[in-house]
Amino acid sequence: MKFEEHCAESMILFGESFEYVHLWLDEFAGKKPYGMKHRRLRHHLAGVMEVERMWGAAAAKAARQHIISDLMMEGWKESDRFPVDEIDYIKMKLF
């Protein structure tokens, strides 16, 4: 999803856009050497936990939804397990 779509989804689901969360999660998008493989860096449980540490539980919920929305674009289903960290993300072949 695009930044604007993530913000709109957060507004609908959580009543706040959480721009700073979406910017942080996608900070490395399109940058060398990652490109779209940037998701392996923060799109997992460890990333959600880092968001919670920095900004609290509400921001962590928005981060988890951001990740779920992006994972679903890669063919992941909500019945699939949620990746734990970068190594797990790669093992699950989500990148």
PDB file of N, CA and C in Angstrom:
ATOM      1  N   MET A   1       0.845  -1.190   0.000  1.00  0.00           N
ATOM      2  CA  MET A   1       0.000   0.000   0.000  1.00  0.00           C
ATOM      3  C   MET A   1       0.886   1.248   0.000  1.00  0.00           C
ATOM      4  N   LYS A   2       0.326   2.306  -0.496  1.00  0.00           N
ATOM      5  CA  LYS A   2       1.007   3.593  -0.484  1.00  0.00           C
ATOM      6  C   LYS A   2       0.821   4.262   0.872  1.00  0.00           C
ATOM      7  N   PHE A   3       1.708   5.196   1.174  1.00  0.00           N
ATOM      8  CA  PHE A   3       1.682   5.931   2.435  1.00  0.00           C
ATOM      9  C   PHE A   3       0.292   6.496   2.720  1.00  0.00           C
ATOM     10  N   GLU A   4      -0.296   7.156   1.736  1.00  0.00           N
ATOM     11  CA  GLU A   4      -1.604   7.778   1.913  1.00  0.00           C
ATOM     12  C   GLU A   4      -2.682   6.744   2.237  1.00  0.00           C
ATOM     13  N   GLU A   5      -2.572   5.569   1.621  1.00  0.00           N
ATOM     14  CA  GLU A   5      -3.540   4.497   1.872  1.00  0.00           C
ATOM     15  C   GLU A   5      -3.396   3.951   3.292  1.00  0.00           C
ATOM     16  N   HIS A   6      -2.159   3.802   3.752  1.00  0.00           N
ATOM     17  CA  HIS A   6      -1.932   3.355   5.128  1.00  0.00           C
ATOM     18  C   HIS A   6      -2.516   4.373   6.121  1.00  0.00           C
ATOM     19  N   CYS A   7      -2.267   5.646   5.863  1.00  0.00           N
ATOM     20  CA  CYS A   7      -2.787   6.695   6.753  1.00  0.00           C
ATOM     21  C   CYS A   7      -4.315   6.700   6.765  1.00  0.00           C
ATOM     22  N   ALA A   8      -4.925   6.554   5.593  1.00  0.00           N
ATOM     23  CA  ALA A   8      -6.391   6.533   5.510  1.00  0.00           C
ATOM     24  C   ALA A   8      -6.953   5.312   6.226  1.00  0.00           C
ATOM     25  N   GLU A   9      -6.325   4.161   6.053  1.00  0.00           N
ATOM     26  CA  GLU A   9      -6.773   2.953   6.733  1.00  0.00           C
ATOM     27  C   GLU A   9      -6.684   3.125   8.251  1.00  0.00           C
ATOM     28  N   SER A  10      -5.589   3.711   8.725  1.00  0.00           N
ATOM     29  CA  SER A  10      -5.438   3.949  10.161  1.00  0.00           C
ATOM     30  C   SER A  10      -6.497   4.908  10.684  1.00  0.00           C
ATOM     31  N   MET A  11      -6.814   5.915   9.902  1.00  0.00           N
ATOM     32  CA  MET A  11      -7.836   6.876  10.313  1.00  0.00           C
ATOM     33  C   MET A  11      -9.184   6.168  10.482  1.00  0.00           C
ATOM     34  N   ILE A  12      -9.514   5.299   9.545  1.00  0.00           N
ATOM     35  CA  ILE A  12     -10.777   4.569   9.605  1.00  0.00           C
ATOM     36  C   ILE A  12     -10.791   3.599  10.791  1.00  0.00           C
ATOM     37  N   LEU A  13      -9.709   2.852  10.959  1.00  0.00           N
ATOM     38  CA  LEU A  13      -9.678   1.806  11.989  1.00  0.00           C
ATOM     39  C   LEU A  13      -9.392   2.315  13.392  1.00  0.00           C
ATOM     40  N   PHE A  14      -8.548   3.368  13.491  1.00  0.00           N
ATOM     41  CA  PHE A  14      -8.048   3.786  14.799  1.00  0.00           C
ATOM     42  C   PHE A  14      -8.345   5.247  15.150  1.00  0.00           C
ATOM     43  N   GLY A  15      -8.920   5.994  14.196  1.00  0.00           N
ATOM     44  CA  GLY A  15      -9.263   7.382  14.459  1.00  0.00           C
ATOM     45  C   GLY A  15      -8.082   8.333  14.437  1.00  0.00           C
ATOM     46  N   GLU A  16      -6.947   7.863  13.954  1.00  0.00           N
ATOM     47  CA  GLU A  16      -5.730   8.673  13.840  1.00  0.00           C
ATOM     48  C   GLU A  16      -4.940   8.143  12.659  1.00  0.00           C
ATOM     49  N   SER A  17      -4.233   9.016  11.952  1.00  0.00           N
ATOM     50  CA  SER A  17      -3.531   8.584  10.741  1.00  0.00           C
ATOM     51  C   SER A  17      -2.201   7.877  11.021  1.00  0.00           C
ATOM     52  N   PHE A  18      -1.579   8.157  12.150  1.00  0.00           N
ATOM     53  CA  PHE A  18      -0.294   7.539  12.517  1.00  0.00           C
ATOM     54  C   PHE A  18       0.754   7.678  11.414  1.00  0.00           C
ATOM     55  N   GLU A  19       0.841   8.879  10.848  1.00  0.00           N
ATOM     56  CA  GLU A  19       1.820   9.110   9.771  1.00  0.00           C
ATOM     57  C   GLU A  19       3.229   8.709  10.174  1.00  0.00           C
ATOM     58  N   TYR A  20       3.628   9.079  11.389  1.00  0.00           N
ATOM     59  CA  TYR A  20       4.989   8.814  11.860  1.00  0.00           C
ATOM     60  C   TYR A  20       5.277   7.313  11.922  1.00  0.00           C
ATOM     61  N   VAL A  21       4.279   6.496  12.214  1.00  0.00           N
ATOM     62  CA  VAL A  21       4.461   5.044  12.245  1.00  0.00           C
ATOM     63  C   VAL A  21       4.697   4.524  10.832  1.00  0.00           C
ATOM     64  N   HIS A  22       3.878   4.969   9.891  1.00  0.00           N
ATOM     65  CA  HIS A  22       4.000   4.498   8.509  1.00  0.00           C
ATOM     66  C   HIS A  22       5.313   4.968   7.882  1.00  0.00           C
ATOM     67  N   LEU A  23       5.706   6.185   8.198  1.00  0.00           N
ATOM     68  CA  LEU A  23       6.999   6.678   7.691  1.00  0.00           C
ATOM     69  C   LEU A  23       8.146   5.852   8.257  1.00  0.00           C
ATOM     70  N   TRP A  24       8.087   5.528   9.531  1.00  0.00           N
ATOM     71  CA  TRP A  24       9.155   4.745  10.162  1.00  0.00           C
ATOM     72  C   TRP A  24       9.214   3.340   9.568  1.00  0.00           C
ATOM     73  N   LEU A  25       8.054   2.690   9.422  1.00  0.00           N
ATOM     74  CA  LEU A  25       8.035   1.335   8.880  1.00  0.00           C
ATOM     75  C   LEU A  25       8.605   1.279   7.461  1.00  0.00           C
ATOM     76  N   ASP A  26       8.334   2.295   6.674  1.00  0.00           N
ATOM     77  CA  ASP A  26       8.753   2.304   5.264  1.00  0.00           C
ATOM     78  C   ASP A  26       9.965   3.199   5.003  1.00  0.00           C
ATOM     79  N   GLU A  27      10.703   3.507   6.051  1.00  0.00           N
ATOM     80  CA  GLU A  27      11.843   4.425   5.930  1.00  0.00           C
ATOM     81  C   GLU A  27      12.829   4.014   4.844  1.00  0.00           C
ATOM     82  N   PHE A  28      13.035   2.734   4.641  1.00  0.00           N
ATOM     83  CA  PHE A  28      14.042   2.268   3.683  1.00  0.00           C
ATOM     84  C   PHE A  28      13.449   1.862   2.331  1.00  0.00           C
ATOM     85  N   ALA A  29      12.168   2.103   2.132  1.00  0.00           N
ATOM     86  CA  ALA A  29      11.507   1.745   0.871  1.00  0.00           C
ATOM     87  C   ALA A  29      12.144   2.479  -0.295  1.00  0.00           C
ATOM     88  N   GLY A  30      12.500   1.728  -1.315  1.00  0.00           N
ATOM     89  CA  GLY A  30      13.060   2.310  -2.526  1.00  0.00           C
ATOM     90  C   GLY A  30      14.524   2.728  -2.417  1.00  0.00           C
ATOM     91  N   LYS A  31      15.106   2.581  -1.226  1.00  0.00           N
ATOM     92  CA  LYS A  31      16.507   2.971  -1.034  1.00  0.00           C
ATOM     93  C   LYS A  31      17.409   1.763  -1.228  1.00  0.00           C
ATOM     94  N   LYS A  32      18.558   2.019  -1.809  1.00  0.00           N
ATOM     95  CA  LYS A  32      19.536   0.951  -1.999  1.00  0.00           C
ATOM     96  C   LYS A  32      20.064   0.532  -0.643  1.00  0.00           C
ATOM     97  N   PRO A  33      20.302  -0.723  -0.423  1.00  0.00           N
ATOM     98  CA  PRO A  33      20.165  -1.857  -1.343  1.00  0.00           C
ATOM     99  C   PRO A  33      18.818  -2.559  -1.235  1.00  0.00           C
ATOM    100  N   TYR A  34      17.846  -1.977  -0.552  1.00  0.00           N
ATOM    101  CA  TYR A  34      16.617  -2.683  -0.196  1.00  0.00           C
ATOM    102  C   TYR A  34      15.504  -2.641  -1.234  1.00  0.00           C
ATOM    103  N   GLY A  35      15.161  -1.469  -1.734  1.00  0.00           N
ATOM    104  CA  GLY A  35      14.006  -1.371  -2.624  1.00  0.00           C
ATOM    105  C   GLY A  35      12.765  -1.844  -1.888  1.00  0.00           C
ATOM    106  N   MET A  36      11.965  -2.716  -2.508  1.00  0.00           N
ATOM    107  CA  MET A  36      10.777  -3.254  -1.841  1.00  0.00           C
ATOM    108  C   MET A  36      11.150  -4.304  -0.792  1.00  0.00           C
ATOM    109  N   LYS A  37      12.372  -4.752  -0.793  1.00  0.00           N
ATOM    110  CA  LYS A  37      12.816  -5.699   0.229  1.00  0.00           C
ATOM    111  C   LYS A  37      13.016  -5.014   1.580  1.00  0.00           C
ATOM    112  N   HIS A  38      12.730  -3.720   1.645  1.00  0.00           N
ATOM    113  CA  HIS A  38      12.825  -2.982   2.907  1.00  0.00           C
ATOM    114  C   HIS A  38      11.906  -3.573   3.971  1.00  0.00           C
ATOM    115  N   ARG A  39      10.865  -4.247   3.558  1.00  0.00           N
ATOM    116  CA  ARG A  39       9.876  -4.762   4.505  1.00  0.00           C
ATOM    117  C   ARG A  39      10.490  -5.757   5.483  1.00  0.00           C
ATOM    118  N   ARG A  40      11.513  -6.445   5.062  1.00  0.00           N
ATOM    119  CA  ARG A  40      12.127  -7.432   5.962  1.00  0.00           C
ATOM    120  C   ARG A  40      12.753  -6.769   7.191  1.00  0.00           C
ATOM    121  N   LEU A  41      13.023  -5.471   7.110  1.00  0.00           N
ATOM    122  CA  LEU A  41      13.678  -4.775   8.218  1.00  0.00           C
ATOM    123  C   LEU A  41      12.744  -4.491   9.391  1.00  0.00           C
ATOM    124  N   ARG A  42      11.489  -4.149   9.122  1.00  0.00           N
ATOM    125  CA  ARG A  42      10.593  -3.709  10.193  1.00  0.00           C
ATOM    126  C   ARG A  42       9.181  -4.282  10.120  1.00  0.00           C
ATOM    127  N   HIS A  43       8.881  -5.024   9.078  1.00  0.00           N
ATOM    128  CA  HIS A  43       7.517  -5.539   8.893  1.00  0.00           C
ATOM    129  C   HIS A  43       7.371  -6.921   9.542  1.00  0.00           C
ATOM    130  N   HIS A  44       7.458  -6.941  10.864  1.00  0.00           N
ATOM    131  CA  HIS A  44       7.371  -8.170  11.642  1.00  0.00           C
ATOM    132  C   HIS A  44       7.112  -7.805  13.095  1.00  0.00           C
ATOM    133  N   LEU A  45       6.958  -8.820  13.942  1.00  0.00           N
ATOM    134  CA  LEU A  45       6.640  -8.597  15.346  1.00  0.00           C
ATOM    135  C   LEU A  45       7.685  -7.726  16.047  1.00  0.00           C
ATOM    136  N   ALA A  46       8.954  -7.934  15.750  1.00  0.00           N
ATOM    137  CA  ALA A  46       9.998  -7.108  16.368  1.00  0.00           C
ATOM    138  C   ALA A  46       9.803  -5.637  16.006  1.00  0.00           C
ATOM    139  N   GLY A  47       9.372  -5.358  14.777  1.00  0.00           N
ATOM    140  CA  GLY A  47       9.091  -3.981  14.368  1.00  0.00           C
ATOM    141  C   GLY A  47       7.907  -3.404  15.118  1.00  0.00           C
ATOM    142  N   VAL A  48       6.857  -4.213  15.293  1.00  0.00           N
ATOM    143  CA  VAL A  48       5.682  -3.777  16.053  1.00  0.00           C
ATOM    144  C   VAL A  48       6.086  -3.456  17.489  1.00  0.00           C
ATOM    145  N   MET A  49       6.918  -4.309  18.070  1.00  0.00           N
ATOM    146  CA  MET A  49       7.366  -4.097  19.449  1.00  0.00           C
ATOM    147  C   MET A  49       8.214  -2.828  19.575  1.00  0.00           C
ATOM    148  N   GLU A  50       9.008  -2.541  18.566  1.00  0.00           N
ATOM    149  CA  GLU A  50       9.811  -1.311  18.578  1.00  0.00           C
ATOM    150  C   GLU A  50       8.907  -0.085  18.489  1.00  0.00           C
ATOM    151  N   VAL A  51       7.875  -0.151  17.654  1.00  0.00           N
ATOM    152  CA  VAL A  51       6.898   0.942  17.569  1.00  0.00           C
ATOM    153  C   VAL A  51       6.234   1.141  18.932  1.00  0.00           C
ATOM    154  N   GLU A  52       5.849   0.052  19.577  1.00  0.00           N
ATOM    155  CA  GLU A  52       5.222   0.176  20.893  1.00  0.00           C
ATOM    156  C   GLU A  52       6.164   0.816  21.900  1.00  0.00           C
ATOM    157  N   ARG A  53       7.427   0.434  21.859  1.00  0.00           N
ATOM    158  CA  ARG A  53       8.417   1.025  22.763  1.00  0.00           C
ATOM    159  C   ARG A  53       8.555   2.531  22.539  1.00  0.00           C
ATOM    160  N   MET A  54       8.539   2.934  21.269  1.00  0.00           N
ATOM    161  CA  MET A  54       8.754   4.346  20.933  1.00  0.00           C
ATOM    162  C   MET A  54       7.494   5.192  21.123  1.00  0.00           C
ATOM    163  N   TRP A  55       6.311   4.647  20.742  1.00  0.00           N
ATOM    164  CA  TRP A  55       5.112   5.486  20.673  1.00  0.00           C
ATOM    165  C   TRP A  55       3.878   4.930  21.381  1.00  0.00           C
ATOM    166  N   GLY A  56       3.954   3.736  21.926  1.00  0.00           N
ATOM    167  CA  GLY A  56       2.829   3.215  22.693  1.00  0.00           C
ATOM    168  C   GLY A  56       1.976   2.183  21.975  1.00  0.00           C
ATOM    169  N   ALA A  57       1.007   1.665  22.732  1.00  0.00           N
ATOM    170  CA  ALA A  57       0.173   0.553  22.264  1.00  0.00           C
ATOM    171  C   ALA A  57      -0.697   0.910  21.065  1.00  0.00           C
ATOM    172  N   ALA A  58      -1.263   2.106  21.041  1.00  0.00           N
ATOM    173  CA  ALA A  58      -2.123   2.493  19.906  1.00  0.00           C
ATOM    174  C   ALA A  58      -1.314   2.534  18.610  1.00  0.00           C
ATOM    175  N   ALA A  59      -0.113   3.077  18.673  1.00  0.00           N
ATOM    176  CA  ALA A  59       0.760   3.126  17.495  1.00  0.00           C
ATOM    177  C   ALA A  59       1.146   1.718  17.059  1.00  0.00           C
ATOM    178  N   ALA A  60       1.354   0.827  18.021  1.00  0.00           N
ATOM    179  CA  ALA A  60       1.708  -0.564  17.700  1.00  0.00           C
ATOM    180  C   ALA A  60       0.573  -1.254  16.949  1.00  0.00           C
ATOM    181  N   LYS A  61      -0.666  -0.976  17.312  1.00  0.00           N
ATOM    182  CA  LYS A  61      -1.812  -1.554  16.586  1.00  0.00           C
ATOM    183  C   LYS A  61      -1.823  -1.072  15.142  1.00  0.00           C
ATOM    184  N   ALA A  62      -1.527   0.212  14.941  1.00  0.00           N
ATOM    185  CA  ALA A  62      -1.470   0.757  13.583  1.00  0.00           C
ATOM    186  C   ALA A  62      -0.324   0.123  12.804  1.00  0.00           C
ATOM    187  N   ALA A  63       0.804  -0.099  13.470  1.00  0.00           N
ATOM    188  CA  ALA A  63       1.952  -0.731  12.817  1.00  0.00           C
ATOM    189  C   ALA A  63       1.604  -2.155  12.390  1.00  0.00           C
ATOM    190  N   ARG A  64       0.972  -2.896  13.271  1.00  0.00           N
ATOM    191  CA  ARG A  64       0.593  -4.275  12.938  1.00  0.00           C
ATOM    192  C   ARG A  64      -0.360  -4.304  11.743  1.00  0.00           C
ATOM    193  N   GLN A  65      -1.323  -3.380  11.709  1.00  0.00           N
ATOM    194  CA  GLN A  65      -2.249  -3.340  10.581  1.00  0.00           C
ATOM    195  C   GLN A  65      -1.531  -2.962   9.286  1.00  0.00           C
ATOM    196  N   HIS A  66      -0.597  -2.023   9.353  1.00  0.00           N
ATOM    197  CA  HIS A  66       0.216  -1.638   8.194  1.00  0.00           C
ATOM    198  C   HIS A  66       0.907  -2.878   7.638  1.00  0.00           C
ATOM    199  N   ILE A  67       1.529  -3.638   8.530  1.00  0.00           N
ATOM    200  CA  ILE A  67       2.272  -4.829   8.126  1.00  0.00           C
ATOM    201  C   ILE A  67       1.332  -5.867   7.520  1.00  0.00           C
ATOM    202  N   ILE A  68       0.203  -6.093   8.152  1.00  0.00           N
ATOM    203  CA  ILE A  68      -0.768  -7.060   7.624  1.00  0.00           C
ATOM    204  C   ILE A  68      -1.231  -6.647   6.233  1.00  0.00           C
ATOM    205  N   SER A  69      -1.531  -5.386   6.044  1.00  0.00           N
ATOM    206  CA  SER A  69      -1.976  -4.903   4.729  1.00  0.00           C
ATOM    207  C   SER A  69      -0.909  -5.135   3.673  1.00  0.00           C
ATOM    208  N   ASP A  70       0.354  -4.869   4.019  1.00  0.00           N
ATOM    209  CA  ASP A  70       1.444  -5.087   3.062  1.00  0.00           C
ATOM    210  C   ASP A  70       1.674  -6.576   2.813  1.00  0.00           C
ATOM    211  N   LEU A  71       1.656  -7.377   3.869  1.00  0.00           N
ATOM    212  CA  LEU A  71       1.863  -8.813   3.696  1.00  0.00           C
ATOM    213  C   LEU A  71       0.794  -9.426   2.802  1.00  0.00           C
ATOM    214  N   MET A  72      -0.436  -8.971   2.952  1.00  0.00           N
ATOM    215  CA  MET A  72      -1.518  -9.515   2.136  1.00  0.00           C
ATOM    216  C   MET A  72      -1.292  -9.224   0.656  1.00  0.00           C
ATOM    217  N   MET A  73      -0.613  -8.144   0.356  1.00  0.00           N
ATOM    218  CA  MET A  73      -0.277  -7.835  -1.034  1.00  0.00           C
ATOM    219  C   MET A  73       0.736  -8.839  -1.581  1.00  0.00           C
ATOM    220  N   GLU A  74       1.460  -9.519  -0.687  1.00  0.00           N
ATOM    221  CA  GLU A  74       2.459 -10.515  -1.089  1.00  0.00           C
ATOM    222  C   GLU A  74       1.897 -11.936  -1.070  1.00  0.00           C
ATOM    223  N   GLY A  75       0.589 -12.071  -0.800  1.00  0.00           N
ATOM    224  CA  GLY A  75      -0.025 -13.384  -0.796  1.00  0.00           C
ATOM    225  C   GLY A  75      -0.182 -13.997   0.587  1.00  0.00           C
ATOM    226  N   TRP A  76       0.268 -13.301   1.607  1.00  0.00           N
ATOM    227  CA  TRP A  76       0.106 -13.763   2.993  1.00  0.00           C
ATOM    228  C   TRP A  76      -1.361 -13.670   3.373  1.00  0.00           C
ATOM    229  N   LYS A  77      -1.824 -14.627   4.188  1.00  0.00           N
ATOM    230  CA  LYS A  77      -3.203 -14.617   4.670  1.00  0.00           C
ATOM    231  C   LYS A  77      -3.196 -14.461   6.189  1.00  0.00           C
ATOM    232  N   GLU A  78      -4.259 -13.888   6.737  1.00  0.00           N
ATOM    233  CA  GLU A  78      -4.315 -13.679   8.184  1.00  0.00           C
ATOM    234  C   GLU A  78      -4.272 -14.993   8.952  1.00  0.00           C
ATOM    235  N   SER A  79      -4.572 -16.103   8.308  1.00  0.00           N
ATOM    236  CA  SER A  79      -4.454 -17.410   8.958  1.00  0.00           C
ATOM    237  C   SER A  79      -2.997 -17.887   8.996  1.00  0.00           C
ATOM    238  N   ASP A  80      -2.121 -17.258   8.197  1.00  0.00           N
ATOM    239  CA  ASP A  80      -0.695 -17.575   8.234  1.00  0.00           C
ATOM    240  C   ASP A  80      -0.088 -16.975   9.503  1.00  0.00           C
ATOM    241  N   ARG A  81       1.026 -17.529   9.938  1.00  0.00           N
ATOM    242  CA  ARG A  81       1.655 -16.966  11.116  1.00  0.00           C
ATOM    243  C   ARG A  81       2.298 -15.623  10.783  1.00  0.00           C
ATOM    244  N   PHE A  82       2.370 -14.783  11.790  1.00  0.00           N
ATOM    245  CA  PHE A  82       2.935 -13.447  11.649  1.00  0.00           C
ATOM    246  C   PHE A  82       4.448 -13.556  11.816  1.00  0.00           C
ATOM    247  N   PRO A  83       5.240 -12.966  10.912  1.00  0.00           N
ATOM    248  CA  PRO A  83       6.695 -13.083  11.039  1.00  0.00           C
ATOM    249  C   PRO A  83       7.206 -12.447  12.336  1.00  0.00           C
ATOM    250  N   VAL A  84       8.204 -13.089  12.939  1.00  0.00           N
ATOM    251  CA  VAL A  84       8.718 -12.673  14.237  1.00  0.00           C
ATOM    252  C   VAL A  84       9.769 -11.576  14.123  1.00  0.00           C
ATOM    253  N   ASP A  85      10.682 -11.748  13.167  1.00  0.00           N
ATOM    254  CA  ASP A  85      11.786 -10.799  13.011  1.00  0.00           C
ATOM    255  C   ASP A  85      12.292 -10.886  11.570  1.00  0.00           C
ATOM    256  N   GLU A  86      13.382 -10.196  11.285  1.00  0.00           N
ATOM    257  CA  GLU A  86      13.896 -10.161   9.913  1.00  0.00           C
ATOM    258  C   GLU A  86      14.265 -11.547   9.412  1.00  0.00           C
ATOM    259  N   ILE A  87      14.925 -12.343  10.217  1.00  0.00           N
ATOM    260  CA  ILE A  87      15.327 -13.684   9.799  1.00  0.00           C
ATOM    261  C   ILE A  87      14.092 -14.533   9.486  1.00  0.00           C
ATOM    262  N   ASP A  88      13.102 -14.462  10.343  1.00  0.00           N
ATOM    263  CA  ASP A  88      11.866 -15.201  10.133  1.00  0.00           C
ATOM    264  C   ASP A  88      11.163 -14.723   8.867  1.00  0.00           C
ATOM    265  N   TYR A  89      11.130 -13.428   8.653  1.00  0.00           N
ATOM    266  CA  TYR A  89      10.507 -12.843   7.464  1.00  0.00           C
ATOM    267  C   TYR A  89      11.132 -13.439   6.204  1.00  0.00           C
ATOM    268  N   ILE A  90      12.462 -13.511   6.195  1.00  0.00           N
ATOM    269  CA  ILE A  90      13.173 -14.059   5.040  1.00  0.00           C
ATOM    270  C   ILE A  90      12.905 -15.556   4.899  1.00  0.00           C
ATOM    271  N   LYS A  91      12.913 -16.296   6.015  1.00  0.00           N
ATOM    272  CA  LYS A  91      12.632 -17.731   5.976  1.00  0.00           C
ATOM    273  C   LYS A  91      11.248 -18.015   5.417  1.00  0.00           C
ATOM    274  N   MET A  92      10.299 -17.100   5.705  1.00  0.00           N
ATOM    275  CA  MET A  92       8.934 -17.275   5.211  1.00  0.00           C
ATOM    276  C   MET A  92       8.813 -16.881   3.746  1.00  0.00           C
ATOM    277  N   LYS A  93       9.918 -16.411   3.166  1.00  0.00           N
ATOM    278  CA  LYS A  93       9.975 -16.000   1.747  1.00  0.00           C
ATOM    279  C   LYS A  93       8.964 -14.907   1.424  1.00  0.00           C
ATOM    280  N   LEU A  94       8.847 -13.965   2.363  1.00  0.00           N
ATOM    281  CA  LEU A  94       7.893 -12.869   2.176  1.00  0.00           C
ATOM    282  C   LEU A  94       8.500 -11.687   1.419  1.00  0.00           C
ATOM    283  N   PHE A  95       9.789 -11.673   1.260  1.00  0.00           N
ATOM    284  CA  PHE A  95      10.392 -10.544   0.580  1.00  0.00           C
ATOM    285  C   PHE A  95      10.466 -10.783  -0.895  1.00  0.00           C
TER     286      PHE A  95
END
